[in-house]
Protein backbone atom coordinates (compact mmCIF):
# COMPACT_ATOMS: atom_id res chain seq x y z
CA UNK A 1 105.68 89.80 103.31
CA UNK A 2 102.22 91.25 103.65
CA UNK A 3 100.01 92.60 100.82
CA UNK A 4 99.63 96.16 102.13
CA UNK A 5 101.64 97.55 99.20
CA UNK A 6 99.08 95.96 96.86
CA UNK A 7 96.09 96.96 98.97
CA UNK A 8 96.64 100.72 99.17
CA UNK A 9 96.34 101.42 95.40
CA UNK A 10 92.95 99.64 95.44
CA UNK A 11 91.45 101.61 98.32
CA UNK A 12 88.27 103.36 97.20
CA UNK A 13 85.34 104.99 98.94
CA UNK A 14 83.23 104.59 95.80
CA UNK A 15 82.30 101.09 96.98
CA UNK A 16 81.97 99.66 100.46
CA UNK A 17 85.31 98.26 101.52
CA UNK A 18 86.88 97.46 104.87
CA UNK A 19 90.46 97.06 106.00
CA UNK A 20 90.92 94.07 108.29
CA UNK A 21 94.18 93.93 110.24
CA UNK A 22 95.30 91.33 112.78
CA UNK A 23 96.21 93.29 115.91
CA UNK A 24 96.85 90.51 118.39
CA UNK A 25 97.36 86.74 118.42
CA UNK A 26 97.34 84.45 121.44
CA UNK A 27 98.43 80.93 120.58
CA UNK A 28 98.82 79.68 117.01
CA UNK A 29 97.47 81.36 113.90
CA UNK A 30 97.99 81.16 110.15
CA UNK A 31 99.13 84.82 110.00
CA UNK A 32 100.59 87.12 112.64
CA UNK A 33 100.08 90.65 113.96
CA UNK A 34 100.20 93.36 111.31
CA UNK A 35 98.75 91.25 108.50
CA UNK A 36 96.23 93.32 106.55
CA UNK A 37 93.47 92.38 104.14
CA UNK A 38 91.09 94.45 101.99
CA UNK A 39 87.54 93.10 101.64
CA UNK A 40 84.96 94.33 99.13
CA UNK A 41 81.18 93.88 98.92
CA UNK A 42 81.45 92.04 95.59
CA UNK A 43 83.15 89.19 97.45
CA UNK A 44 86.65 89.96 96.19
CA UNK A 45 89.61 90.72 98.42
CA UNK A 46 93.32 91.50 98.45
CA UNK A 47 95.53 89.61 100.87
CA UNK A 48 94.51 86.99 103.42
CA UNK A 49 94.33 86.75 107.20
CA UNK A 50 93.89 83.00 107.50
CA UNK A 51 93.65 79.85 105.43
CA UNK A 52 89.95 80.56 104.98
CA UNK A 53 88.52 80.27 108.48
CA UNK A 54 87.89 84.01 109.02
CA UNK A 55 87.34 85.54 105.61
CA UNK A 56 83.74 84.45 105.14
CA UNK A 57 82.65 85.98 108.43
CA UNK A 58 84.62 89.16 107.73
CA UNK A 59 82.81 89.66 104.41
CA UNK A 60 79.48 89.53 106.28
CA UNK A 61 80.65 92.35 108.55
CA UNK A 62 81.27 94.92 105.80
CA UNK A 63 77.83 96.54 106.05
CA UNK A 64 77.93 96.67 109.86
CA UNK A 65 81.39 98.25 109.91
CA UNK A 66 80.29 100.96 107.50
CA UNK A 67 77.17 101.58 109.58
CA UNK A 68 78.74 101.46 113.05
CA UNK A 69 82.35 102.49 112.42
CA UNK A 70 85.72 100.99 113.29
CA UNK A 71 85.60 98.01 115.62
CA UNK A 72 87.71 95.17 116.96
CA UNK A 73 86.42 91.61 116.71
CA UNK A 74 87.90 88.58 118.42
CA UNK A 75 87.91 85.02 117.09
CA UNK A 76 88.57 82.28 119.62
CA UNK A 77 89.72 79.30 117.55
CA UNK A 78 90.64 77.14 120.52
CA UNK A 79 88.48 74.04 120.47
CA UNK A 80 86.57 75.30 117.43
CA UNK A 81 83.78 73.22 115.94
CA UNK A 82 84.90 71.77 112.62
CA UNK A 83 81.50 72.36 110.99
CA UNK A 84 81.68 76.05 111.91
CA UNK A 85 85.25 76.90 111.11
CA UNK A 86 86.40 74.19 108.73
CA UNK A 87 88.90 71.43 109.28
CA UNK A 88 92.66 71.65 109.64
CA UNK A 89 92.92 75.41 109.19
CA UNK A 90 96.00 75.81 111.39
CA UNK A 91 94.27 78.49 113.49
CA UNK A 92 94.11 77.30 117.09
CA UNK A 93 94.46 80.53 119.03
CA UNK A 94 92.67 83.77 119.80
CA UNK A 95 92.87 86.29 116.97
CA UNK A 96 91.88 89.96 117.30
CA UNK A 97 91.09 91.84 114.10
CA UNK A 98 90.72 95.59 113.65
CA UNK A 99 88.02 96.43 111.08
CA UNK A 100 88.08 99.90 109.50
CA UNK A 101 85.61 101.24 106.93
CA UNK A 102 87.39 102.64 103.90
CA UNK A 103 86.39 106.29 103.71
CA UNK A 104 87.73 109.07 101.51
CA UNK A 105 89.76 110.33 104.46
CA UNK A 106 91.27 106.91 105.22
CA UNK A 107 92.06 106.20 101.56
CA UNK A 108 93.72 109.61 101.13
CA UNK A 109 95.71 109.20 104.34
CA UNK A 110 96.92 105.73 103.36
CA UNK A 111 97.89 106.88 99.86
CA UNK A 112 99.85 109.80 101.30
CA UNK A 113 101.58 107.44 103.71
CA UNK A 114 102.38 105.02 100.90
CA UNK A 115 104.07 107.79 98.92
CA UNK A 116 106.61 108.20 101.71
CA UNK A 117 107.11 104.42 101.92
CA UNK A 118 107.75 104.27 98.17
CA UNK A 119 110.48 106.88 98.65
CA UNK A 120 112.27 104.52 101.03
CA UNK A 121 110.88 105.85 104.31
CA UNK A 122 109.69 103.67 107.19
CA UNK A 123 106.34 104.78 108.57
CA UNK A 124 104.62 104.11 111.88
CA UNK A 125 100.83 103.82 111.67
CA UNK A 126 98.62 103.75 114.76
CA UNK A 127 94.90 103.21 115.14
CA UNK A 128 92.20 102.99 117.81
CA UNK A 129 88.51 102.40 117.31
CA UNK A 130 88.05 106.18 117.35
CA UNK A 131 90.89 107.55 115.22
CA UNK A 132 94.08 106.71 113.38
CA UNK A 133 97.22 108.43 112.13
CA UNK A 134 100.78 107.91 111.00
CA UNK A 135 104.14 109.58 110.87
CA UNK A 136 107.49 109.00 109.20
CA UNK A 137 109.92 107.32 111.58
CA UNK A 138 112.76 109.62 112.56
CA UNK A 139 110.68 112.74 111.99
CA UNK A 140 108.51 114.67 114.39
CA UNK A 141 104.79 113.88 114.05
CA UNK A 142 102.42 116.79 113.56
CA UNK A 143 100.65 118.29 116.57
CA UNK A 144 97.42 116.42 115.91
CA UNK A 145 99.00 113.00 116.28
CA UNK A 146 102.02 113.75 118.45
CA UNK A 147 100.75 112.69 121.89
CA UNK A 148 99.08 109.44 120.86
CA UNK A 149 101.66 108.46 118.26
CA UNK A 150 104.72 109.03 120.45
CA UNK A 151 103.09 107.19 123.33
CA UNK A 152 102.18 104.26 121.09
CA UNK A 153 105.67 104.08 119.62
CA UNK A 154 107.33 104.07 123.03
CA UNK A 155 105.00 101.41 124.43
CA UNK A 156 105.44 99.25 121.39
CA UNK A 157 109.20 99.29 121.77
CA UNK A 158 108.83 98.17 125.36
CA UNK A 159 106.29 95.45 124.68
CA UNK A 160 107.67 94.17 121.37
CA UNK A 161 104.07 93.71 120.22
CA UNK A 162 101.84 95.44 117.76
CA UNK A 163 98.76 95.60 119.98
CA UNK A 164 99.08 97.55 123.22
CA UNK A 165 97.08 99.55 125.76
CA UNK A 166 97.70 103.09 126.93
CA UNK A 167 97.28 104.50 130.41
CA UNK A 168 93.55 104.99 129.91
CA UNK A 169 93.05 101.34 129.04
CA UNK A 170 92.29 102.16 125.41
CA UNK A 171 93.74 99.66 122.98
CA UNK A 172 96.11 101.12 120.41
CA UNK A 173 97.29 99.18 117.39
CA UNK A 174 100.73 100.12 116.08
CA UNK A 175 102.09 98.97 112.73
CA UNK A 176 105.52 99.54 111.23
CA UNK A 177 105.29 99.85 107.45
CA UNK A 178 108.54 99.44 105.60
CA UNK A 179 109.39 99.93 101.92
CA UNK A 180 109.04 96.87 99.75
CA UNK A 181 112.49 95.22 99.87
CA UNK A 182 114.49 95.89 96.72
CA UNK A 183 116.43 93.15 94.97
CA UNK A 184 118.89 93.92 92.15
CA UNK A 185 119.77 90.99 89.93
CA UNK A 186 122.85 91.48 87.76
CA UNK A 187 122.49 89.28 84.71
CA UNK A 188 119.38 88.28 82.78
CA UNK A 189 120.42 84.83 81.60
CA UNK A 190 118.15 81.80 81.56
CA UNK A 191 119.19 80.85 85.10
CA UNK A 192 118.39 84.34 86.44
CA UNK A 193 114.82 84.49 85.18
CA UNK A 194 113.36 81.92 87.65
CA UNK A 195 114.88 84.02 90.43
CA UNK A 196 113.23 87.15 89.01
CA UNK A 197 109.88 85.34 88.91
CA UNK A 198 110.17 83.85 92.40
CA UNK A 199 111.32 87.09 94.03
CA UNK A 200 108.56 89.10 92.36
CA UNK A 201 105.93 86.60 93.54
CA UNK A 202 107.29 87.01 97.07
CA UNK A 203 106.71 90.76 96.79
CA UNK A 204 110.25 91.97 96.26
CA UNK A 205 110.74 95.03 94.08
CA UNK A 206 113.04 93.44 91.50
CA UNK A 207 115.34 95.24 89.08
CA UNK A 208 117.35 93.33 86.47
CA UNK A 209 120.52 94.80 84.93
CA UNK A 210 122.07 93.41 81.75
CA UNK A 211 123.83 94.54 78.58
CA UNK A 212 121.75 92.31 76.25
CA UNK A 213 118.47 93.83 74.97
CA UNK A 214 116.99 90.46 74.01
CA UNK A 215 117.59 89.01 77.49
CA UNK A 216 115.92 91.99 79.15
CA UNK A 217 113.01 91.80 76.74
CA UNK A 218 112.45 88.19 77.78
CA UNK A 219 112.42 89.32 81.41
CA UNK A 220 109.86 91.98 80.53
CA UNK A 221 107.62 89.40 78.84
CA UNK A 222 107.79 87.02 81.80
CA UNK A 223 107.72 89.53 84.70
CA UNK A 224 106.42 92.88 83.41
CA UNK A 225 106.54 94.49 86.86
CA UNK A 226 110.30 93.97 87.16
CA UNK A 227 112.49 96.99 86.51
CA UNK A 228 115.10 96.74 83.76
CA UNK A 229 118.35 98.64 83.22
CA UNK A 230 120.14 98.15 79.90
CA UNK A 231 123.84 98.82 79.58
CA UNK A 232 127.26 97.89 80.90
CA UNK A 233 128.37 98.24 84.53
CA UNK A 234 129.64 101.82 84.23
CA UNK A 235 126.26 102.78 82.75
CA UNK A 236 124.27 100.94 85.41
CA UNK A 237 125.60 103.17 88.18
CA UNK A 238 124.32 106.34 86.54
CA UNK A 239 120.83 104.78 86.41
CA UNK A 240 120.78 103.18 89.85
CA UNK A 241 120.91 104.69 93.34
CA UNK A 242 121.19 102.19 96.16
CA UNK A 243 119.85 102.73 99.65
CA UNK A 244 120.28 101.03 103.00
CA UNK A 245 118.72 97.57 103.08
CA UNK A 246 118.99 96.84 99.35
CA UNK A 247 119.93 93.32 98.25
CA UNK A 248 121.81 92.14 95.18
CA UNK A 249 122.60 88.90 93.38
CA UNK A 250 125.47 88.84 90.90
CA UNK A 251 125.08 86.27 88.13
CA UNK A 252 126.30 87.72 84.85
CA UNK A 253 128.57 84.71 84.14
CA UNK A 254 131.16 87.23 82.96
CA UNK A 255 134.23 87.40 85.21
CA UNK A 256 135.24 91.02 84.61
CA UNK A 257 131.67 92.33 84.85
CA UNK A 258 131.09 90.35 88.05
CA UNK A 259 134.27 91.95 89.39
CA UNK A 260 133.11 95.47 88.46
CA UNK A 261 129.70 94.91 90.02
CA UNK A 262 131.01 93.37 93.24
CA UNK A 263 133.62 96.08 93.70
CA UNK A 264 130.98 98.78 93.28
CA UNK A 265 128.42 97.13 95.55
CA UNK A 266 130.92 96.80 98.38
CA UNK A 267 130.91 100.60 98.53
CA UNK A 268 127.11 100.76 98.82
CA UNK A 269 124.82 100.34 101.91
CA UNK A 270 123.72 96.84 100.94
CA UNK A 271 122.06 94.33 103.27
CA UNK A 272 122.96 91.33 101.10
CA UNK A 273 125.38 90.70 98.25
CA UNK A 274 125.14 87.21 96.80
CA UNK A 275 127.57 85.98 94.16
CA UNK A 276 126.76 82.97 91.99
CA UNK A 277 129.61 80.48 91.89
CA UNK A 278 132.14 79.03 94.28
CA UNK A 279 133.87 80.81 97.13
CA UNK A 280 137.18 80.33 95.34
CA UNK A 281 135.90 82.15 92.24
CA UNK A 282 134.57 85.02 94.36
CA UNK A 283 137.92 85.36 96.10
CA UNK A 284 139.53 85.61 92.68
CA UNK A 285 137.09 88.40 91.79
CA UNK A 286 138.37 90.44 94.72
CA UNK A 287 141.92 89.06 94.66
CA UNK A 288 141.74 88.27 98.35
CA UNK A 289 141.86 85.28 100.67
CA UNK A 290 139.32 86.77 103.09
CA UNK A 291 135.87 87.72 101.79
CA UNK A 292 133.92 90.57 103.39
CA UNK A 293 131.14 89.40 105.71
CA UNK A 294 128.48 91.03 103.53
CA UNK A 295 129.33 88.72 100.61
CA UNK A 296 127.44 85.42 100.40
CA UNK A 297 128.88 82.81 98.08
CA UNK A 298 127.71 80.38 96.95
CA UNK A 299 124.24 81.90 97.03
CA UNK A 300 121.16 80.38 98.60
CA UNK A 301 120.40 78.17 101.56
CA UNK A 302 122.16 74.82 101.55
CA UNK A 303 119.26 72.58 100.50
CA UNK A 304 121.04 70.62 97.79
CA UNK A 305 119.43 72.74 95.08
CA UNK A 306 120.05 71.79 91.46
CA UNK A 307 118.95 73.74 88.40
CA UNK A 308 117.72 77.33 88.07
CA UNK A 309 114.30 76.80 89.68
CA UNK A 310 115.60 75.09 92.81
CA UNK A 311 118.42 77.61 93.14
CA UNK A 312 115.83 80.40 92.92
CA UNK A 313 113.91 78.80 95.79
CA UNK A 314 117.07 78.56 97.89
CA UNK A 315 118.08 82.19 97.21
CA UNK A 316 114.66 83.69 97.97
CA UNK A 317 114.49 81.54 101.11
CA UNK A 318 117.84 82.94 102.18
CA UNK A 319 116.63 86.51 101.61
CA UNK A 320 113.46 85.88 103.63
CA UNK A 321 115.50 84.30 106.44
CA UNK A 322 117.82 87.30 106.45
CA UNK A 323 114.92 89.74 106.70
CA UNK A 324 113.30 87.82 109.53
CA UNK A 325 116.60 87.62 111.41
CA UNK A 326 117.04 91.39 111.49
CA UNK A 327 113.52 92.24 112.64
CA UNK A 328 113.30 93.89 116.01
CA UNK A 329 109.79 92.90 116.95
CA UNK A 330 108.21 95.40 114.58
CA UNK A 331 105.62 94.27 112.08
CA UNK A 332 106.73 94.26 108.45
CA UNK A 333 103.80 95.06 106.17
């Protein structure tokens, strides 16, 4: 997952910053279309576009972008000279990057857009070297952006790419920005905490639900950004509203509470329900011989994982694989 959710809160016109976004890749590259990075004049940055072969040059362009305006630069990494670009970077293709100066107008627009994304909306952002805009998917764009935005959206669906050209030959970049995927972990035991840590590092919005205050306090100390809901299952539902695409892992180690949680989640619009333990135990939870397709048990990819840390790796890998499998050619930011 990209760092755009981390970038937007740091946008500021008080210092010279630029947004650098990969708009097109031909051949191999470390990152793909839609990847965004924020670069600042003090040398710091948020996110990354490559393994280090582009960032130095991009920092040197900050002043020019602020002086000349939005531009697209192309890096041809095919047959690169090792002394120029470094060795073994993994970038061996042509990479086009859109560079936008961070102005008050851009920062305000991006923050407004992010507010919709944080409410669970999917947003389509488009940009040319002359202008940019966005609208919430499924809603009508305003009059100012309607013609260009609708055209870009339609062409993107046909091409399956994030960088396209309109009828006038002007290049339009289109980016689909989705909410940060939400993962609910039921149970805050010692084996759940590595999963909380791993998922949070992979940019999932993690919420942990448990009835033990001490266990949740340990989660808070280790992963402060994780949400926490204290109580028993019937209390969790009054505090938690699920939406389409949410994921859940059940690992309370308490049979009746696992049953309550699983029964409730099966009535929600979940994208993934993972249950720790054997398939036989999960069938006993539901008192059935045929598990619903949405239920994954045992959890995680089959990599021979042992212990909480390895299981956490296998579970997060499974979630990432699931997300990538359901993409429709749109860029997830």
